Amino acid sequence: MKIAVCDDENVQLELIERYCRKWMEISGESCSIYRFKSAEEFLFKYEEIKDYDVLFLDIQMKGISGMELAKTLRNLGENMIIVFITADRGYVFEGYEVQALDYILKYLYKI
């Protein structure tokens, strides 16, 4: 399984990666985890690797927002699982427009 994590905050990237590694340890699953600091960085790499299974995606980022990235991916026909990670509840209904699997609020978990 290939997991992408896209967030402009290093602490959030590290936390989500740590949770994914813990899940792998508990489940016995093997995954590759790719970290991206922006939607632009993700899209650049997406040109090479188009087979991510899961994308953990911050919504509020400089440049292209996570929501814009999700819409772009869906318009390209991409069907990877998208899980939004954000501090703002205001996007929850917009997340359904891109068939997001879940919506995790950042303040619910701490390092």
C-alpha atoms as a PDB file:
ATOM      1  CA  MET A   1       0.000   0.000   0.000  1.00  0.00           C
ATOM      2  CA  LYS A   2       1.239   3.503  -0.826  1.00  0.00           C
ATOM      3  CA  ILE A   3       0.242   6.278   1.564  1.00  0.00           C
ATOM      4  CA  ALA A   4       0.765   9.958   0.783  1.00  0.00           C
ATOM      5  CA  VAL A   5       0.648  12.610   3.495  1.00  0.00           C
ATOM      6  CA  CYS A   6       0.354  16.217   2.353  1.00  0.00           C
ATOM      7  CA  ASP A   7       0.561  18.999   4.951  1.00  0.00           C
ATOM      8  CA  ASP A   8       2.544  22.218   5.109  1.00  0.00           C
ATOM      9  CA  GLU A   9       3.384  21.702   8.805  1.00  0.00           C
ATOM     10  CA  ASN A  10       6.296  19.361   9.599  1.00  0.00           C
ATOM     11  CA  VAL A  11       4.860  18.427  12.975  1.00  0.00           C
ATOM     12  CA  GLN A  12       1.647  17.222  11.301  1.00  0.00           C
ATOM     13  CA  LEU A  13       3.554  15.263   8.653  1.00  0.00           C
ATOM     14  CA  GLU A  14       5.540  13.517  11.363  1.00  0.00           C
ATOM     15  CA  LEU A  15       2.462  12.795  13.470  1.00  0.00           C
ATOM     16  CA  ILE A  16       0.436  11.252  10.639  1.00  0.00           C
ATOM     17  CA  GLU A  17       3.432   9.200   9.524  1.00  0.00           C
ATOM     18  CA  ARG A  18       3.879   7.964  13.105  1.00  0.00           C
ATOM     19  CA  TYR A  19       0.201   6.956  13.267  1.00  0.00           C
ATOM     20  CA  CYS A  20       0.529   5.116   9.957  1.00  0.00           C
ATOM     21  CA  ARG A  21       3.608   3.251  11.191  1.00  0.00           C
ATOM     22  CA  LYS A  22       1.817   2.312  14.398  1.00  0.00           C
ATOM     23  CA  TRP A  23      -1.114   1.000  12.325  1.00  0.00           C
ATOM     24  CA  MET A  24       1.326  -1.070  10.236  1.00  0.00           C
ATOM     25  CA  GLU A  25       2.869  -2.496  13.392  1.00  0.00           C
ATOM     26  CA  ILE A  26      -0.524  -3.465  14.846  1.00  0.00           C
ATOM     27  CA  SER A  27      -2.053  -4.758  11.611  1.00  0.00           C
ATOM     28  CA  GLY A  28       1.031  -6.453  10.187  1.00  0.00           C
ATOM     29  CA  GLU A  29       0.486  -4.584   6.915  1.00  0.00           C
ATOM     30  CA  SER A  30       3.372  -3.180   4.915  1.00  0.00           C
ATOM     31  CA  CYS A  31       3.158   0.335   3.472  1.00  0.00           C
ATOM     32  CA  SER A  32       5.307   2.947   1.826  1.00  0.00           C
ATOM     33  CA  ILE A  33       4.750   6.456   3.159  1.00  0.00           C
ATOM     34  CA  TYR A  34       5.462   9.555   1.078  1.00  0.00           C
ATOM     35  CA  ARG A  35       5.491  13.035   2.615  1.00  0.00           C
ATOM     36  CA  PHE A  36       4.669  16.265   0.772  1.00  0.00           C
ATOM     37  CA  LYS A  37       4.853  19.846   2.075  1.00  0.00           C
ATOM     38  CA  SER A  38       2.467  21.280  -0.531  1.00  0.00           C
ATOM     39  CA  ALA A  39      -0.146  20.362  -3.088  1.00  0.00           C
ATOM     40  CA  GLU A  40       2.248  21.530  -5.786  1.00  0.00           C
ATOM     41  CA  GLU A  41       4.937  19.122  -4.564  1.00  0.00           C
ATOM     42  CA  PHE A  42       2.399  16.288  -4.523  1.00  0.00           C
ATOM     43  CA  LEU A  43       1.216  17.057  -8.076  1.00  0.00           C
ATOM     44  CA  PHE A  44       4.813  17.172  -9.335  1.00  0.00           C
ATOM     45  CA  LYS A  45       5.511  13.707  -7.912  1.00  0.00           C
ATOM     46  CA  TYR A  46       2.058  12.489  -8.997  1.00  0.00           C
ATOM     47  CA  GLU A  47       3.241  12.792 -12.599  1.00  0.00           C
ATOM     48  CA  GLU A  48       5.687   9.932 -11.850  1.00  0.00           C
ATOM     49  CA  ILE A  49       3.732   7.893  -9.292  1.00  0.00           C
ATOM     50  CA  LYS A  50       0.006   7.695  -9.891  1.00  0.00           C
ATOM     51  CA  ASP A  51      -0.796   4.718  -7.746  1.00  0.00           C
ATOM     52  CA  TYR A  52      -1.177   6.060  -4.225  1.00  0.00           C
ATOM     53  CA  ASP A  53      -3.823   4.166  -2.295  1.00  0.00           C
ATOM     54  CA  VAL A  54      -4.497   6.713   0.452  1.00  0.00           C
ATOM     55  CA  LEU A  55      -3.938  10.463   0.685  1.00  0.00           C
ATOM     56  CA  PHE A  56      -4.007  12.194   4.075  1.00  0.00           C
ATOM     57  CA  LEU A  57      -4.531  15.799   3.036  1.00  0.00           C
ATOM     58  CA  ASP A  58      -4.479  19.113   4.873  1.00  0.00           C
ATOM     59  CA  ILE A  59      -7.021  21.544   3.461  1.00  0.00           C
ATOM     60  CA  GLN A  60      -5.526  24.924   4.332  1.00  0.00           C
ATOM     61  CA  MET A  61      -2.145  25.250   2.663  1.00  0.00           C
ATOM     62  CA  LYS A  62      -0.386  28.075   0.846  1.00  0.00           C
ATOM     63  CA  GLY A  63      -0.745  27.988  -2.922  1.00  0.00           C
ATOM     64  CA  ILE A  64      -3.076  25.211  -4.027  1.00  0.00           C
ATOM     65  CA  SER A  65      -5.358  24.224  -1.156  1.00  0.00           C
ATOM     66  CA  GLY A  66      -5.987  20.618  -0.216  1.00  0.00           C
ATOM     67  CA  MET A  67      -9.582  20.926  -1.387  1.00  0.00           C
ATOM     68  CA  GLU A  68      -8.426  22.196  -4.778  1.00  0.00           C
ATOM     69  CA  LEU A  69      -5.968  19.293  -4.981  1.00  0.00           C
ATOM     70  CA  ALA A  70      -8.723  16.785  -4.160  1.00  0.00           C
ATOM     71  CA  LYS A  71     -10.979  18.273  -6.852  1.00  0.00           C
ATOM     72  CA  THR A  72      -8.122  18.153  -9.377  1.00  0.00           C
ATOM     73  CA  LEU A  73      -7.441  14.505  -8.586  1.00  0.00           C
ATOM     74  CA  ARG A  74     -11.112  13.562  -8.910  1.00  0.00           C
ATOM     75  CA  ASN A  75     -11.358  15.477 -12.222  1.00  0.00           C
ATOM     76  CA  LEU A  76      -8.392  13.396 -13.440  1.00  0.00           C
ATOM     77  CA  GLY A  77     -10.350  10.263 -12.585  1.00  0.00           C
ATOM     78  CA  GLU A  78      -8.218   9.403  -9.551  1.00  0.00           C
ATOM     79  CA  ASN A  79     -10.052   7.188  -7.077  1.00  0.00           C
ATOM     80  CA  MET A  80      -7.538   7.006  -4.215  1.00  0.00           C
ATOM     81  CA  ILE A  81      -8.907   7.245  -0.694  1.00  0.00           C
ATOM     82  CA  ILE A  82      -8.761  10.827   0.580  1.00  0.00           C
ATOM     83  CA  VAL A  83      -8.806  11.655   4.284  1.00  0.00           C
ATOM     84  CA  PHE A  84      -8.822  15.358   5.069  1.00  0.00           C
ATOM     85  CA  ILE A  85      -6.850  16.596   8.066  1.00  0.00           C
ATOM     86  CA  THR A  86      -7.594  20.157   9.096  1.00  0.00           C
ATOM     87  CA  ALA A  87      -8.233  22.484  11.999  1.00  0.00           C
ATOM     88  CA  ASP A  88     -11.296  24.035  10.335  1.00  0.00           C
ATOM     89  CA  ARG A  89     -14.687  22.319  10.509  1.00  0.00           C
ATOM     90  CA  GLY A  90     -16.033  24.612   7.804  1.00  0.00           C
ATOM     91  CA  TYR A  91     -14.988  22.325   4.966  1.00  0.00           C
ATOM     92  CA  VAL A  92     -16.702  19.156   6.118  1.00  0.00           C
ATOM     93  CA  PHE A  93     -19.575  19.304   3.628  1.00  0.00           C
ATOM     94  CA  GLU A  94     -17.319  20.309   0.743  1.00  0.00           C
ATOM     95  CA  GLY A  95     -15.316  17.159   1.496  1.00  0.00           C
ATOM     96  CA  TYR A  96     -18.302  15.048   0.479  1.00  0.00           C
ATOM     97  CA  GLU A  97     -18.179  16.609  -2.996  1.00  0.00           C
ATOM     98  CA  VAL A  98     -14.846  14.857  -3.597  1.00  0.00           C
ATOM     99  CA  GLN A  99     -15.924  11.623  -1.892  1.00  0.00           C
ATOM    100  CA  ALA A 100     -13.522  12.015   1.020  1.00  0.00           C
ATOM    101  CA  LEU A 101     -13.551   8.955   3.246  1.00  0.00           C
ATOM    102  CA  ASP A 102     -13.103  10.911   6.451  1.00  0.00           C
ATOM    103  CA  TYR A 103     -12.425  14.298   7.959  1.00  0.00           C
ATOM    104  CA  ILE A 104     -10.046  14.430  10.927  1.00  0.00           C
ATOM    105  CA  LEU A 105      -9.827  17.587  13.015  1.00  0.00           C
ATOM    106  CA  LYS A 106      -6.240  18.404  13.989  1.00  0.00           C
ATOM    107  CA  TYR A 107      -7.032  19.463  17.519  1.00  0.00           C
ATOM    108  CA  LEU A 108      -8.375  15.986  18.305  1.00  0.00           C
ATOM    109  CA  TYR A 109      -4.891  14.522  18.431  1.00  0.00           C
ATOM    110  CA  LYS A 110      -1.682  15.770  19.945  1.00  0.00           C
ATOM    111  CA  ILE A 111       1.955  14.773  19.858  1.00  0.00           C
END
